[in-house]
PDB file of all heavy atoms in Angstrom:
ATOM      1  N   GLY A   1      57.323  70.474 -22.795  1.00  0.00           N
ATOM      2  CA  GLY A   1      55.907  70.217 -22.566  1.00  0.00           C
ATOM      3  C   GLY A   1      55.108  69.719 -23.747  1.00  0.00           C
ATOM      4  O   GLY A   1      53.908  69.458 -23.613  1.00  0.00           O
ATOM      5  N   HIS A   2      55.714  69.575 -24.934  1.00  0.00           N
ATOM      6  CA  HIS A   2      54.937  69.071 -26.068  1.00  0.00           C
ATOM      7  C   HIS A   2      54.602  67.599 -25.841  1.00  0.00           C
ATOM      8  O   HIS A   2      55.442  66.822 -25.384  1.00  0.00           O
ATOM      9  CB  HIS A   2      55.710  69.245 -27.379  1.00  0.00           C
ATOM     10  CG  HIS A   2      54.827  69.198 -28.582  1.00  0.00           C
ATOM     11  ND1 HIS A   2      54.361  68.015 -29.114  1.00  0.00           N
ATOM     12  CD2 HIS A   2      54.285  70.181 -29.331  1.00  0.00           C
ATOM     13  CE1 HIS A   2      53.580  68.275 -30.147  1.00  0.00           C
ATOM     14  NE2 HIS A   2      53.514  69.588 -30.307  1.00  0.00           N
ATOM     15  N   PRO A   3      53.355  67.182 -26.154  1.00  0.00           N
ATOM     16  CA  PRO A   3      52.917  65.839 -25.773  1.00  0.00           C
ATOM     17  C   PRO A   3      53.089  64.748 -26.826  1.00  0.00           C
ATOM     18  O   PRO A   3      52.670  63.616 -26.600  1.00  0.00           O
ATOM     19  CB  PRO A   3      51.423  66.054 -25.495  1.00  0.00           C
ATOM     20  CG  PRO A   3      51.025  67.121 -26.470  1.00  0.00           C
ATOM     21  CD  PRO A   3      52.222  68.019 -26.615  1.00  0.00           C
ATOM     22  N   TRP A   4      53.683  65.050 -27.977  1.00  0.00           N
ATOM     23  CA  TRP A   4      53.747  64.069 -29.064  1.00  0.00           C
ATOM     24  C   TRP A   4      55.184  63.709 -29.432  1.00  0.00           C
ATOM     25  O   TRP A   4      56.063  64.579 -29.490  1.00  0.00           O
ATOM     26  CB  TRP A   4      53.073  64.607 -30.324  1.00  0.00           C
ATOM     27  CG  TRP A   4      51.584  64.750 -30.243  1.00  0.00           C
ATOM     28  CD1 TRP A   4      50.753  64.294 -29.264  1.00  0.00           C
ATOM     29  CD2 TRP A   4      50.750  65.394 -31.203  1.00  0.00           C
ATOM     30  NE1 TRP A   4      49.450  64.620 -29.550  1.00  0.00           N
ATOM     31  CE2 TRP A   4      49.421  65.294 -30.741  1.00  0.00           C
ATOM     32  CE3 TRP A   4      50.992  66.051 -32.415  1.00  0.00           C
ATOM     33  CZ2 TRP A   4      48.336  65.827 -31.444  1.00  0.00           C
ATOM     34  CZ3 TRP A   4      49.917  66.579 -33.123  1.00  0.00           C
ATOM     35  CH2 TRP A   4      48.593  66.463 -32.642  1.00  0.00           C
ATOM     36  N   VAL A   5      55.379  62.427 -29.722  1.00  0.00           N
ATOM     37  CA  VAL A   5      56.627  61.946 -30.318  1.00  0.00           C
ATOM     38  C   VAL A   5      56.277  61.313 -31.661  1.00  0.00           C
ATOM     39  O   VAL A   5      55.589  60.284 -31.705  1.00  0.00           O
ATOM     40  CB  VAL A   5      57.321  60.894 -29.420  1.00  0.00           C
ATOM     41  CG1 VAL A   5      58.597  60.389 -30.097  1.00  0.00           C
ATOM     42  CG2 VAL A   5      57.635  61.472 -28.055  1.00  0.00           C
ATOM     43  N   PHE A   6      56.722  61.947 -32.732  1.00  0.00           N
ATOM     44  CA  PHE A   6      56.422  61.421 -34.064  1.00  0.00           C
ATOM     45  C   PHE A   6      57.347  60.248 -34.396  1.00  0.00           C
ATOM     46  O   PHE A   6      58.466  60.135 -33.886  1.00  0.00           O
ATOM     47  CB  PHE A   6      56.567  62.519 -35.116  1.00  0.00           C
ATOM     48  CG  PHE A   6      55.460  63.539 -35.061  1.00  0.00           C
ATOM     49  CD1 PHE A   6      55.609  64.709 -34.339  1.00  0.00           C
ATOM     50  CD2 PHE A   6      54.259  63.313 -35.728  1.00  0.00           C
ATOM     51  CE1 PHE A   6      54.585  65.647 -34.286  1.00  0.00           C
ATOM     52  CE2 PHE A   6      53.235  64.233 -35.674  1.00  0.00           C
ATOM     53  CZ  PHE A   6      53.396  65.409 -34.949  1.00  0.00           C
ATOM     54  N   ARG A   7      56.864  59.390 -35.267  1.00  0.00           N
ATOM     55  CA  ARG A   7      57.603  58.189 -35.644  1.00  0.00           C
ATOM     56  C   ARG A   7      59.005  58.526 -36.153  1.00  0.00           C
ATOM     57  O   ARG A   7      59.984  57.856 -35.821  1.00  0.00           O
ATOM     58  CB  ARG A   7      56.821  57.436 -36.732  1.00  0.00           C
ATOM     59  CG  ARG A   7      57.421  56.093 -37.126  1.00  0.00           C
ATOM     60  CD  ARG A   7      56.672  55.518 -38.298  1.00  0.00           C
ATOM     61  NE  ARG A   7      55.258  55.353 -38.000  1.00  0.00           N
ATOM     62  CZ  ARG A   7      54.306  55.337 -38.925  1.00  0.00           C
ATOM     63  NH1 ARG A   7      54.604  55.535 -40.184  1.00  0.00           N
ATOM     64  NH2 ARG A   7      53.044  55.160 -38.576  1.00  0.00           N
ATOM     65  N   LYS A   8      59.111  59.593 -36.940  1.00  0.00           N
ATOM     66  CA  LYS A   8      60.411  59.948 -37.519  1.00  0.00           C
ATOM     67  C   LYS A   8      61.405  60.454 -36.470  1.00  0.00           C
ATOM     68  O   LYS A   8      62.602  60.560 -36.752  1.00  0.00           O
ATOM     69  CB  LYS A   8      60.225  61.000 -38.609  1.00  0.00           C
ATOM     70  CG  LYS A   8      59.620  62.304 -38.115  1.00  0.00           C
ATOM     71  CD  LYS A   8      59.357  63.253 -39.273  1.00  0.00           C
ATOM     72  CE  LYS A   8      58.725  64.551 -38.782  1.00  0.00           C
ATOM     73  NZ  LYS A   8      58.419  65.472 -39.921  1.00  0.00           N
ATOM     74  N   ALA A   9      60.911  60.769 -35.257  1.00  0.00           N
ATOM     75  CA  ALA A   9      61.796  61.246 -34.195  1.00  0.00           C
ATOM     76  C   ALA A   9      62.429  60.103 -33.412  1.00  0.00           C
ATOM     77  O   ALA A   9      63.361  60.316 -32.632  1.00  0.00           O
ATOM     78  CB  ALA A   9      61.033  62.154 -33.234  1.00  0.00           C
ATOM     79  N   VAL A  10      61.925  58.882 -33.608  1.00  0.00           N
ATOM     80  CA  VAL A  10      62.431  57.721 -32.873  1.00  0.00           C
ATOM     81  C   VAL A  10      63.643  57.159 -33.606  1.00  0.00           C
ATOM     82  O   VAL A  10      63.597  56.895 -34.805  1.00  0.00           O
ATOM     83  CB  VAL A  10      61.333  56.648 -32.739  1.00  0.00           C
ATOM     84  CG1 VAL A  10      61.884  55.412 -32.025  1.00  0.00           C
ATOM     85  CG2 VAL A  10      60.132  57.214 -31.984  1.00  0.00           C
ATOM     86  N   GLU A  11      64.724  56.963 -32.872  1.00  0.00           N
ATOM     87  CA  GLU A  11      65.968  56.496 -33.487  1.00  0.00           C
ATOM     88  C   GLU A  11      65.848  55.065 -33.986  1.00  0.00           C
ATOM     89  O   GLU A  11      66.244  54.739 -35.108  1.00  0.00           O
ATOM     90  CB  GLU A  11      67.107  56.598 -32.473  1.00  0.00           C
ATOM     91  CG  GLU A  11      68.473  56.350 -33.062  1.00  0.00           C
ATOM     92  CD  GLU A  11      69.565  56.620 -32.052  1.00  0.00           C
ATOM     93  OE1 GLU A  11      69.863  55.709 -31.243  1.00  0.00           O
ATOM     94  OE2 GLU A  11      70.102  57.749 -32.055  1.00  0.00           O
ATOM     95  N   ARG A  12      65.271  54.199 -33.166  1.00  0.00           N
ATOM     96  CA  ARG A  12      65.088  52.796 -33.557  1.00  0.00           C
ATOM     97  C   ARG A  12      63.653  52.394 -33.250  1.00  0.00           C
ATOM     98  O   ARG A  12      63.237  52.369 -32.087  1.00  0.00           O
ATOM     99  CB  ARG A  12      66.053  51.886 -32.786  1.00  0.00           C
ATOM    100  CG  ARG A  12      67.510  52.081 -33.143  1.00  0.00           C
ATOM    101  CD  ARG A  12      68.388  51.016 -32.489  1.00  0.00           C
ATOM    102  NE  ARG A  12      68.218  51.003 -31.034  1.00  0.00           N
ATOM    103  CZ  ARG A  12      68.880  51.820 -30.214  1.00  0.00           C
ATOM    104  NH1 ARG A  12      69.711  52.716 -30.715  1.00  0.00           N
ATOM    105  NH2 ARG A  12      68.700  51.730 -28.910  1.00  0.00           N
ATOM    106  N   ALA A  13      62.906  52.072 -34.287  1.00  0.00           N
ATOM    107  CA  ALA A  13      61.517  51.660 -34.098  1.00  0.00           C
ATOM    108  C   ALA A  13      61.477  50.270 -33.469  1.00  0.00           C
ATOM    109  O   ALA A  13      62.207  49.378 -33.897  1.00  0.00           O
ATOM    110  CB  ALA A  13      60.786  51.659 -35.433  1.00  0.00           C
ATOM    111  N   PRO A  14      60.641  50.083 -32.451  1.00  0.00           N
ATOM    112  CA  PRO A  14      60.574  48.774 -31.805  1.00  0.00           C
ATOM    113  C   PRO A  14      59.908  47.744 -32.700  1.00  0.00           C
ATOM    114  O   PRO A  14      59.070  48.069 -33.536  1.00  0.00           O
ATOM    115  CB  PRO A  14      59.726  49.046 -30.559  1.00  0.00           C
ATOM    116  CG  PRO A  14      58.880  50.222 -30.942  1.00  0.00           C
ATOM    117  CD  PRO A  14      59.724  51.059 -31.864  1.00  0.00           C
ATOM    118  N   ALA A  15      60.283  46.491 -32.514  1.00  0.00           N
ATOM    119  CA  ALA A  15      59.701  45.404 -33.300  1.00  0.00           C
ATOM    120  C   ALA A  15      58.557  44.766 -32.523  1.00  0.00           C
ATOM    121  O   ALA A  15      58.733  44.333 -31.383  1.00  0.00           O
ATOM    122  CB  ALA A  15      60.764  44.363 -33.625  1.00  0.00           C
ATOM    123  N   ARG A  16      57.377  44.765 -33.145  1.00  0.00           N
ATOM    124  CA  ARG A  16      56.211  44.060 -32.599  1.00  0.00           C
ATOM    125  C   ARG A  16      55.846  44.503 -31.189  1.00  0.00           C
ATOM    126  O   ARG A  16      55.458  43.692 -30.344  1.00  0.00           O
ATOM    127  CB  ARG A  16      56.422  42.552 -32.628  1.00  0.00           C
ATOM    128  CG  ARG A  16      56.608  42.001 -34.034  1.00  0.00           C
ATOM    129  CD  ARG A  16      56.761  40.498 -34.005  1.00  0.00           C
ATOM    130  NE  ARG A  16      56.951  39.964 -35.345  1.00  0.00           N
ATOM    131  CZ  ARG A  16      57.132  38.678 -35.630  1.00  0.00           C
ATOM    132  NH1 ARG A  16      57.159  37.794 -34.642  1.00  0.00           N
ATOM    133  NH2 ARG A  16      57.291  38.274 -36.879  1.00  0.00           N
ATOM    134  N   LEU A  17      55.946  45.789 -30.929  1.00  0.00           N
ATOM    135  CA  LEU A  17      55.530  46.314 -29.626  1.00  0.00           C
ATOM    136  C   LEU A  17      54.033  46.608 -29.678  1.00  0.00           C
ATOM    137  O   LEU A  17      53.585  47.373 -30.521  1.00  0.00           O
ATOM    138  CB  LEU A  17      56.314  47.581 -29.297  1.00  0.00           C
ATOM    139  CG  LEU A  17      56.323  48.072 -27.845  1.00  0.00           C
ATOM    140  CD1 LEU A  17      56.968  47.018 -26.945  1.00  0.00           C
ATOM    141  CD2 LEU A  17      57.090  49.379 -27.748  1.00  0.00           C
ATOM    142  N   PRO A  18      53.224  46.011 -28.807  1.00  0.00           N
ATOM    143  CA  PRO A  18      51.764  46.165 -28.907  1.00  0.00           C
ATOM    144  C   PRO A  18      51.295  47.599 -28.634  1.00  0.00           C
ATOM    145  O   PRO A  18      51.929  48.342 -27.874  1.00  0.00           O
ATOM    146  CB  PRO A  18      51.235  45.218 -27.816  1.00  0.00           C
ATOM    147  CG  PRO A  18      52.364  44.315 -27.486  1.00  0.00           C
ATOM    148  CD  PRO A  18      53.617  45.095 -27.727  1.00  0.00           C
ATOM    149  N   ALA A  19      50.195  47.961 -29.248  1.00  0.00           N
ATOM    150  CA  ALA A  19      49.583  49.260 -28.989  1.00  0.00           C
ATOM    151  C   ALA A  19      49.208  49.367 -27.522  1.00  0.00           C
ATOM    152  O   ALA A  19      48.659  48.437 -26.936  1.00  0.00           O
ATOM    153  CB  ALA A  19      48.343  49.440 -29.864  1.00  0.00           C
ATOM    154  N   GLY A  20      49.513  50.518 -26.936  1.00  0.00           N
ATOM    155  CA  GLY A  20      49.197  50.748 -25.535  1.00  0.00           C
ATOM    156  C   GLY A  20      50.323  50.450 -24.578  1.00  0.00           C
ATOM    157  O   GLY A  20      50.216  50.751 -23.378  1.00  0.00           O
ATOM    158  N   THR A  21      51.409  49.884 -25.085  1.00  0.00           N
ATOM    159  CA  THR A  21      52.564  49.604 -24.226  1.00  0.00           C
ATOM    160  C   THR A  21      53.087  50.909 -23.617  1.00  0.00           C
ATOM    161  O   THR A  21      53.252  51.907 -24.323  1.00  0.00           O
ATOM    162  CB  THR A  21      53.694  48.942 -25.031  1.00  0.00           C
ATOM    163  OG1 THR A  21      53.213  47.724 -25.598  1.00  0.00           O
ATOM    164  CG2 THR A  21      54.897  48.650 -24.148  1.00  0.00           C
ATOM    165  N   ILE A  22      53.334  50.905 -22.328  1.00  0.00           N
ATOM    166  CA  ILE A  22      53.910  52.078 -21.666  1.00  0.00           C
ATOM    167  C   ILE A  22      55.416  52.080 -21.925  1.00  0.00           C
ATOM    168  O   ILE A  22      56.106  51.100 -21.639  1.00  0.00           O
ATOM    169  CB  ILE A  22      53.622  52.066 -20.159  1.00  0.00           C
ATOM    170  CG1 ILE A  22      52.100  52.059 -19.914  1.00  0.00           C
ATOM    171  CG2 ILE A  22      54.268  53.272 -19.483  1.00  0.00           C
ATOM    172  CD1 ILE A  22      51.361  53.240 -20.513  1.00  0.00           C
ATOM    173  N   VAL A  23      55.907  53.178 -22.474  1.00  0.00           N
ATOM    174  CA  VAL A  23      57.310  53.254 -22.871  1.00  0.00           C
ATOM    175  C   VAL A  23      57.969  54.489 -22.265  1.00  0.00           C
ATOM    176  O   VAL A  23      57.313  55.504 -22.023  1.00  0.00           O
ATOM    177  CB  VAL A  23      57.463  53.302 -24.417  1.00  0.00           C
ATOM    178  CG1 VAL A  23      56.916  52.037 -25.051  1.00  0.00           C
ATOM    179  CG2 VAL A  23      56.769  54.528 -25.002  1.00  0.00           C
ATOM    180  N   ASP A  24      59.249  54.380 -22.043  1.00  0.00           N
ATOM    181  CA  ASP A  24      60.057  55.529 -21.642  1.00  0.00           C
ATOM    182  C   ASP A  24      60.779  56.058 -22.875  1.00  0.00           C
ATOM    183  O   ASP A  24      61.463  55.303 -23.576  1.00  0.00           O
ATOM    184  CB  ASP A  24      61.093  55.131 -20.587  1.00  0.00           C
ATOM    185  CG  ASP A  24      60.514  55.079 -19.182  1.00  0.00           C
ATOM    186  OD1 ASP A  24      59.318  55.422 -19.026  1.00  0.00           O
ATOM    187  OD2 ASP A  24      61.242  54.666 -18.259  1.00  0.00           O
ATOM    188  N   VAL A  25      60.620  57.344 -23.127  1.00  0.00           N
ATOM    189  CA  VAL A  25      61.347  58.004 -24.202  1.00  0.00           C
ATOM    190  C   VAL A  25      62.655  58.515 -23.610  1.00  0.00           C
ATOM    191  O   VAL A  25      62.652  59.193 -22.573  1.00  0.00           O
ATOM    192  CB  VAL A  25      60.520  59.166 -24.782  1.00  0.00           C
ATOM    193  CG1 VAL A  25      61.294  59.872 -25.889  1.00  0.00           C
ATOM    194  CG2 VAL A  25      59.190  58.647 -25.317  1.00  0.00           C
ATOM    195  N   THR A  26      63.775  58.172 -24.268  1.00  0.00           N
ATOM    196  CA  THR A  26      65.077  58.502 -23.712  1.00  0.00           C
ATOM    197  C   THR A  26      65.937  59.255 -24.721  1.00  0.00           C
ATOM    198  O   THR A  26      65.699  59.207 -25.925  1.00  0.00           O
ATOM    199  CB  THR A  26      65.818  57.232 -23.268  1.00  0.00           C
ATOM    200  OG1 THR A  26      66.037  56.390 -24.418  1.00  0.00           O
ATOM    201  CG2 THR A  26      65.027  56.464 -22.220  1.00  0.00           C
ATOM    202  N   GLU A  27      66.943  59.942 -24.198  1.00  0.00           N
ATOM    203  CA  GLU A  27      67.952  60.606 -25.022  1.00  0.00           C
ATOM    204  C   GLU A  27      69.314  60.278 -24.433  1.00  0.00           C
ATOM    205  O   GLU A  27      69.566  60.579 -23.255  1.00  0.00           O
ATOM    206  CB  GLU A  27      67.729  62.120 -25.037  1.00  0.00           C
ATOM    207  CG  GLU A  27      68.738  62.849 -25.933  1.00  0.00           C
ATOM    208  CD  GLU A  27      68.581  64.357 -25.833  1.00  0.00           C
ATOM    209  OE1 GLU A  27      68.514  64.877 -24.688  1.00  0.00           O
ATOM    210  OE2 GLU A  27      68.531  65.017 -26.875  1.00  0.00           O
ATOM    211  N   ASP A  28      70.147  59.620 -25.238  1.00  0.00           N
ATOM    212  CA  ASP A  28      71.468  59.191 -24.770  1.00  0.00           C
ATOM    213  C   ASP A  28      71.358  58.378 -23.484  1.00  0.00           C
ATOM    214  O   ASP A  28      72.178  58.513 -22.554  1.00  0.00           O
ATOM    215  CB  ASP A  28      72.384  60.403 -24.540  1.00  0.00           C
ATOM    216  CG  ASP A  28      72.676  61.163 -25.823  1.00  0.00           C
ATOM    217  OD1 ASP A  28      72.691  60.520 -26.898  1.00  0.00           O
ATOM    218  OD2 ASP A  28      72.874  62.388 -25.751  1.00  0.00           O
ATOM    219  N   GLY A  29      70.310  57.554 -23.411  1.00  0.00           N
ATOM    220  CA  GLY A  29      70.114  56.687 -22.266  1.00  0.00           C
ATOM    221  C   GLY A  29      69.464  57.336 -21.069  1.00  0.00           C
ATOM    222  O   GLY A  29      69.205  56.664 -20.064  1.00  0.00           O
ATOM    223  N   ARG A  30      69.177  58.642 -21.150  1.00  0.00           N
ATOM    224  CA  ARG A  30      68.571  59.356 -20.020  1.00  0.00           C
ATOM    225  C   ARG A  30      67.064  59.507 -20.230  1.00  0.00           C
ATOM    226  O   ARG A  30      66.599  59.798 -21.336  1.00  0.00           O
ATOM    227  CB  ARG A  30      69.216  60.737 -19.854  1.00  0.00           C
ATOM    228  CG  ARG A  30      70.696  60.696 -19.531  1.00  0.00           C
ATOM    229  CD  ARG A  30      71.207  62.084 -19.139  1.00  0.00           C
ATOM    230  NE  ARG A  30      70.955  63.060 -20.173  1.00  0.00           N
ATOM    231  CZ  ARG A  30      71.775  63.281 -21.197  1.00  0.00           C
ATOM    232  NH1 ARG A  30      72.878  62.558 -21.346  1.00  0.00           N
ATOM    233  NH2 ARG A  30      71.497  64.206 -22.103  1.00  0.00           N
ATOM    234  N   PHE A  31      66.322  59.363 -19.152  1.00  0.00           N
ATOM    235  CA  PHE A  31      64.860  59.484 -19.183  1.00  0.00           C
ATOM    236  C   PHE A  31      64.433  60.896 -19.607  1.00  0.00           C
ATOM    237  O   PHE A  31      64.978  61.892 -19.121  1.00  0.00           O
ATOM    238  CB  PHE A  31      64.288  59.169 -17.802  1.00  0.00           C
ATOM    239  CG  PHE A  31      62.804  59.369 -17.682  1.00  0.00           C
ATOM    240  CD1 PHE A  31      61.918  58.351 -17.988  1.00  0.00           C
ATOM    241  CD2 PHE A  31      62.287  60.592 -17.251  1.00  0.00           C
ATOM    242  CE1 PHE A  31      60.544  58.535 -17.868  1.00  0.00           C
ATOM    243  CE2 PHE A  31      60.911  60.785 -17.128  1.00  0.00           C
ATOM    244  CZ  PHE A  31      60.041  59.755 -17.449  1.00  0.00           C
ATOM    245  N   VAL A  32      63.478  60.960 -20.516  1.00  0.00           N
ATOM    246  CA  VAL A  32      62.893  62.240 -20.932  1.00  0.00           C
ATOM    247  C   VAL A  32      61.425  62.307 -20.544  1.00  0.00           C
ATOM    248  O   VAL A  32      60.967  63.273 -19.940  1.00  0.00           O
ATOM    249  CB  VAL A  32      63.038  62.458 -22.459  1.00  0.00           C
ATOM    250  CG1 VAL A  32      62.353  63.762 -22.878  1.00  0.00           C
ATOM    251  CG2 VAL A  32      64.500  62.463 -22.868  1.00  0.00           C
TER     252      VAL A  32
END
């Protein structure tokens, strides 16, 4: 239930992804 994903928790930072983009956070390819 925690609502934040910190930058250091992301395995690969996206390139040039605009602010506000809706993203799926995944683990081993599975939706989180």
